[in-house]
Amino acid sequence: MEETIEQTLTFFRLPRQHHKHLKSTNMLERLNEEIRRRTYVVRIFPNAESCLRLVRALAVETHENWMEANRYINMDDLREHKKLALRQAA
């Protein structure tokens, strides 16, 4: 643990506004619910590959929607945080 303490505490170097989003699994739970809902509609898959195709399509769709619409984490805050850290280090 002592060897990797630097990586372990990286979380605390990020802006405080990001903490609530990073420690939450809401996005993952939402994706799992959507997969459950869509597979329930299909009910029986002819093979494992067809189920995997559906899950991949949902993951891609979710990723595209997330990239276009939502800003889950405001990267401007992170840029400002990094600028302040660089100024303090200098």
N, C-alpha and C. Protein backbone atom coordinates (compact mmCIF):
# COMPACT_ATOMS: atom_id res chain seq x y z
N MET A 1 0.82 -1.17 0.00
CA MET A 1 0.00 0.00 0.00
C MET A 1 0.87 1.25 0.00
N GLU A 2 1.96 1.23 0.72
CA GLU A 2 2.83 2.39 0.78
C GLU A 2 3.44 2.71 -0.59
N GLU A 3 3.67 1.69 -1.39
CA GLU A 3 4.25 1.90 -2.72
C GLU A 3 3.28 2.61 -3.66
N THR A 4 1.98 2.41 -3.48
CA THR A 4 0.99 3.00 -4.39
C THR A 4 0.16 4.10 -3.74
N ILE A 5 0.64 4.67 -2.66
CA ILE A 5 -0.12 5.70 -1.96
C ILE A 5 -0.35 6.92 -2.85
N GLU A 6 0.60 7.22 -3.74
CA GLU A 6 0.46 8.36 -4.65
C GLU A 6 -0.77 8.20 -5.55
N GLN A 7 -0.96 7.01 -6.13
CA GLN A 7 -2.13 6.77 -6.98
C GLN A 7 -3.40 6.73 -6.16
N THR A 8 -3.32 6.23 -4.96
CA THR A 8 -4.50 6.11 -4.10
C THR A 8 -5.07 7.47 -3.74
N LEU A 9 -4.22 8.44 -3.51
CA LEU A 9 -4.67 9.76 -3.08
C LEU A 9 -4.87 10.75 -4.23
N THR A 10 -4.75 10.30 -5.46
CA THR A 10 -4.95 11.17 -6.62
C THR A 10 -6.34 11.81 -6.61
N PHE A 11 -7.30 11.08 -6.13
CA PHE A 11 -8.68 11.56 -6.02
C PHE A 11 -8.75 12.93 -5.34
N PHE A 12 -7.95 13.12 -4.31
CA PHE A 12 -8.01 14.34 -3.52
C PHE A 12 -7.33 15.53 -4.20
N ARG A 13 -6.60 15.29 -5.28
CA ARG A 13 -5.98 16.38 -6.02
C ARG A 13 -6.96 17.06 -6.97
N LEU A 14 -8.05 16.41 -7.26
CA LEU A 14 -9.05 16.96 -8.18
C LEU A 14 -9.91 18.00 -7.47
N PRO A 15 -10.55 18.89 -8.25
CA PRO A 15 -11.41 19.90 -7.62
C PRO A 15 -12.53 19.24 -6.82
N ARG A 16 -12.93 19.87 -5.75
CA ARG A 16 -13.94 19.32 -4.84
C ARG A 16 -15.28 19.09 -5.57
N GLN A 17 -15.58 19.89 -6.60
CA GLN A 17 -16.84 19.72 -7.34
C GLN A 17 -16.90 18.36 -8.03
N HIS A 18 -15.76 17.77 -8.33
CA HIS A 18 -15.72 16.48 -9.02
C HIS A 18 -15.89 15.30 -8.08
N HIS A 19 -15.63 15.49 -6.81
CA HIS A 19 -15.64 14.36 -5.87
C HIS A 19 -16.96 13.62 -5.85
N LYS A 20 -18.08 14.33 -5.82
CA LYS A 20 -19.37 13.65 -5.72
C LYS A 20 -19.66 12.80 -6.96
N HIS A 21 -19.14 13.21 -8.11
CA HIS A 21 -19.38 12.43 -9.34
C HIS A 21 -18.45 11.22 -9.42
N LEU A 22 -17.25 11.36 -8.94
CA LEU A 22 -16.28 10.27 -9.05
C LEU A 22 -16.54 9.13 -8.07
N LYS A 23 -17.11 9.43 -6.94
CA LYS A 23 -17.35 8.36 -5.96
C LYS A 23 -18.72 7.70 -6.14
N SER A 24 -19.47 8.15 -7.12
CA SER A 24 -20.81 7.63 -7.35
C SER A 24 -20.78 6.59 -8.47
N THR A 25 -21.68 5.62 -8.37
CA THR A 25 -21.82 4.62 -9.43
C THR A 25 -23.14 4.81 -10.18
N ASN A 26 -23.71 6.01 -10.09
CA ASN A 26 -25.01 6.25 -10.72
C ASN A 26 -25.01 5.97 -12.21
N MET A 27 -23.97 6.40 -12.91
CA MET A 27 -23.93 6.18 -14.36
C MET A 27 -23.91 4.69 -14.70
N LEU A 28 -23.13 3.94 -13.96
CA LEU A 28 -23.05 2.50 -14.20
C LEU A 28 -24.38 1.82 -13.88
N GLU A 29 -25.01 2.23 -12.80
CA GLU A 29 -26.30 1.66 -12.42
C GLU A 29 -27.36 1.98 -13.47
N ARG A 30 -27.32 3.19 -14.00
CA ARG A 30 -28.27 3.57 -15.05
C ARG A 30 -28.09 2.72 -16.30
N LEU A 31 -26.83 2.48 -16.68
CA LEU A 31 -26.55 1.63 -17.84
C LEU A 31 -27.04 0.20 -17.59
N ASN A 32 -26.78 -0.33 -16.42
CA ASN A 32 -27.25 -1.68 -16.10
C ASN A 32 -28.77 -1.78 -16.14
N GLU A 33 -29.46 -0.76 -15.65
CA GLU A 33 -30.93 -0.75 -15.71
C GLU A 33 -31.42 -0.75 -17.15
N GLU A 34 -30.78 0.05 -18.00
CA GLU A 34 -31.17 0.10 -19.41
C GLU A 34 -30.93 -1.24 -20.09
N ILE A 35 -29.82 -1.90 -19.78
CA ILE A 35 -29.54 -3.22 -20.35
C ILE A 35 -30.60 -4.22 -19.87
N ARG A 36 -30.93 -4.18 -18.58
CA ARG A 36 -31.95 -5.07 -18.04
C ARG A 36 -33.30 -4.84 -18.73
N ARG A 37 -33.65 -3.57 -18.91
CA ARG A 37 -34.93 -3.23 -19.52
C ARG A 37 -35.00 -3.74 -20.96
N ARG A 38 -33.93 -3.50 -21.73
CA ARG A 38 -33.94 -3.90 -23.15
C ARG A 38 -33.87 -5.42 -23.31
N THR A 39 -33.12 -6.10 -22.47
CA THR A 39 -33.05 -7.56 -22.59
C THR A 39 -34.37 -8.21 -22.15
N TYR A 40 -35.07 -7.57 -21.24
CA TYR A 40 -36.37 -8.10 -20.82
C TYR A 40 -37.36 -8.04 -21.97
N VAL A 41 -37.28 -7.01 -22.81
CA VAL A 41 -38.17 -6.88 -23.97
C VAL A 41 -37.91 -8.01 -24.96
N VAL A 42 -36.64 -8.32 -25.19
CA VAL A 42 -36.29 -9.38 -26.15
C VAL A 42 -36.61 -10.75 -25.58
N ARG A 43 -36.36 -10.96 -24.31
CA ARG A 43 -36.60 -12.18 -23.54
C ARG A 43 -35.70 -13.35 -23.92
N ILE A 44 -35.75 -13.81 -25.16
CA ILE A 44 -34.96 -14.99 -25.53
C ILE A 44 -34.02 -14.60 -26.67
N PHE A 45 -32.74 -14.81 -26.45
CA PHE A 45 -31.74 -14.53 -27.48
C PHE A 45 -31.37 -15.83 -28.17
N PRO A 46 -31.18 -15.80 -29.49
CA PRO A 46 -30.83 -17.02 -30.21
C PRO A 46 -29.45 -17.56 -29.83
N ASN A 47 -28.54 -16.65 -29.46
CA ASN A 47 -27.20 -17.08 -29.03
C ASN A 47 -26.56 -15.97 -28.19
N ALA A 48 -25.41 -16.26 -27.62
CA ALA A 48 -24.73 -15.30 -26.74
C ALA A 48 -24.25 -14.07 -27.51
N GLU A 49 -23.88 -14.27 -28.77
CA GLU A 49 -23.38 -13.16 -29.58
C GLU A 49 -24.45 -12.09 -29.80
N SER A 50 -25.70 -12.51 -29.97
CA SER A 50 -26.78 -11.54 -30.19
C SER A 50 -27.02 -10.71 -28.92
N CYS A 51 -26.91 -11.33 -27.78
CA CYS A 51 -27.03 -10.60 -26.51
C CYS A 51 -25.88 -9.61 -26.36
N LEU A 52 -24.70 -10.05 -26.70
CA LEU A 52 -23.53 -9.19 -26.61
C LEU A 52 -23.64 -8.00 -27.58
N ARG A 53 -24.20 -8.24 -28.77
CA ARG A 53 -24.40 -7.14 -29.73
C ARG A 53 -25.34 -6.09 -29.17
N LEU A 54 -26.41 -6.54 -28.51
CA LEU A 54 -27.35 -5.61 -27.91
C LEU A 54 -26.69 -4.79 -26.81
N VAL A 55 -25.93 -5.43 -25.96
CA VAL A 55 -25.25 -4.74 -24.86
C VAL A 55 -24.23 -3.74 -25.41
N ARG A 56 -23.48 -4.14 -26.43
CA ARG A 56 -22.52 -3.21 -27.05
C ARG A 56 -23.22 -2.02 -27.66
N ALA A 57 -24.32 -2.27 -28.37
CA ALA A 57 -25.06 -1.17 -28.99
C ALA A 57 -25.57 -0.20 -27.92
N LEU A 58 -26.05 -0.72 -26.82
CA LEU A 58 -26.52 0.15 -25.73
C LEU A 58 -25.37 0.95 -25.13
N ALA A 59 -24.22 0.32 -24.97
CA ALA A 59 -23.07 1.02 -24.42
C ALA A 59 -22.61 2.14 -25.36
N VAL A 60 -22.58 1.87 -26.65
CA VAL A 60 -22.19 2.89 -27.62
C VAL A 60 -23.21 4.02 -27.63
N GLU A 61 -24.49 3.68 -27.63
CA GLU A 61 -25.54 4.70 -27.63
C GLU A 61 -25.45 5.57 -26.37
N THR A 62 -25.25 4.95 -25.24
CA THR A 62 -25.12 5.69 -23.98
C THR A 62 -23.90 6.59 -24.02
N HIS A 63 -22.80 6.08 -24.54
CA HIS A 63 -21.58 6.88 -24.63
C HIS A 63 -21.79 8.09 -25.54
N GLU A 64 -22.41 7.88 -26.70
CA GLU A 64 -22.64 8.99 -27.63
C GLU A 64 -23.57 10.04 -27.02
N ASN A 65 -24.63 9.58 -26.37
CA ASN A 65 -25.55 10.53 -25.73
C ASN A 65 -24.84 11.31 -24.63
N TRP A 66 -24.02 10.64 -23.88
CA TRP A 66 -23.32 11.29 -22.78
C TRP A 66 -22.33 12.32 -23.31
N MET A 67 -21.63 11.97 -24.39
CA MET A 67 -20.63 12.88 -24.95
C MET A 67 -21.30 14.12 -25.57
N GLU A 68 -22.47 13.96 -26.18
CA GLU A 68 -23.13 15.07 -26.85
C GLU A 68 -23.90 15.95 -25.88
N ALA A 69 -24.65 15.36 -24.98
CA ALA A 69 -25.62 16.12 -24.20
C ALA A 69 -25.10 16.55 -22.83
N ASN A 70 -24.65 15.62 -22.05
CA ASN A 70 -24.36 15.91 -20.65
C ASN A 70 -22.91 16.28 -20.42
N ARG A 71 -22.74 17.09 -19.44
CA ARG A 71 -21.40 17.38 -18.92
C ARG A 71 -21.41 16.90 -17.49
N TYR A 72 -21.08 15.65 -17.32
CA TYR A 72 -21.12 15.04 -15.99
C TYR A 72 -20.06 15.67 -15.09
N ILE A 73 -18.91 15.91 -15.67
CA ILE A 73 -17.83 16.58 -14.94
C ILE A 73 -17.40 17.78 -15.77
N ASN A 74 -17.42 18.94 -15.17
CA ASN A 74 -17.04 20.17 -15.85
C ASN A 74 -15.51 20.23 -15.93
N MET A 75 -14.97 20.08 -17.12
CA MET A 75 -13.53 20.06 -17.29
C MET A 75 -12.91 21.45 -17.13
N ASP A 76 -13.70 22.51 -17.25
CA ASP A 76 -13.18 23.86 -17.02
C ASP A 76 -12.70 23.99 -15.58
N ASP A 77 -13.43 23.42 -14.64
CA ASP A 77 -13.01 23.44 -13.24
C ASP A 77 -11.66 22.75 -13.07
N LEU A 78 -11.47 21.64 -13.77
CA LEU A 78 -10.21 20.91 -13.67
C LEU A 78 -9.07 21.73 -14.26
N ARG A 79 -9.30 22.40 -15.39
CA ARG A 79 -8.26 23.24 -15.98
C ARG A 79 -7.85 24.36 -15.03
N GLU A 80 -8.82 25.02 -14.42
CA GLU A 80 -8.53 26.08 -13.46
C GLU A 80 -7.77 25.54 -12.25
N HIS A 81 -8.17 24.38 -11.80
CA HIS A 81 -7.50 23.74 -10.66
C HIS A 81 -6.03 23.46 -10.99
N LYS A 82 -5.78 22.97 -12.21
CA LYS A 82 -4.40 22.68 -12.63
C LYS A 82 -3.58 23.96 -12.74
N LYS A 83 -4.20 25.03 -13.28
CA LYS A 83 -3.49 26.31 -13.39
C LYS A 83 -3.08 26.82 -12.02
N LEU A 84 -3.99 26.75 -11.06
CA LEU A 84 -3.69 27.19 -9.69
C LEU A 84 -2.57 26.35 -9.08
N ALA A 85 -2.61 25.05 -9.32
CA ALA A 85 -1.58 24.17 -8.78
C ALA A 85 -0.21 24.50 -9.38
N LEU A 86 -0.18 24.81 -10.68
CA LEU A 86 1.09 25.16 -11.33
C LEU A 86 1.62 26.49 -10.79
N ARG A 87 0.72 27.44 -10.57
CA ARG A 87 1.14 28.74 -10.03
C ARG A 87 1.71 28.58 -8.62
N GLN A 88 1.08 27.74 -7.83
CA GLN A 88 1.56 27.54 -6.48
C GLN A 88 2.89 26.81 -6.44
N ALA A 89 3.09 25.91 -7.41
CA ALA A 89 4.34 25.15 -7.47
C ALA A 89 5.51 26.03 -7.92
N ALA A 90 5.21 27.06 -8.71
CA ALA A 90 6.28 27.93 -9.24
C ALA A 90 6.78 28.92 -8.25
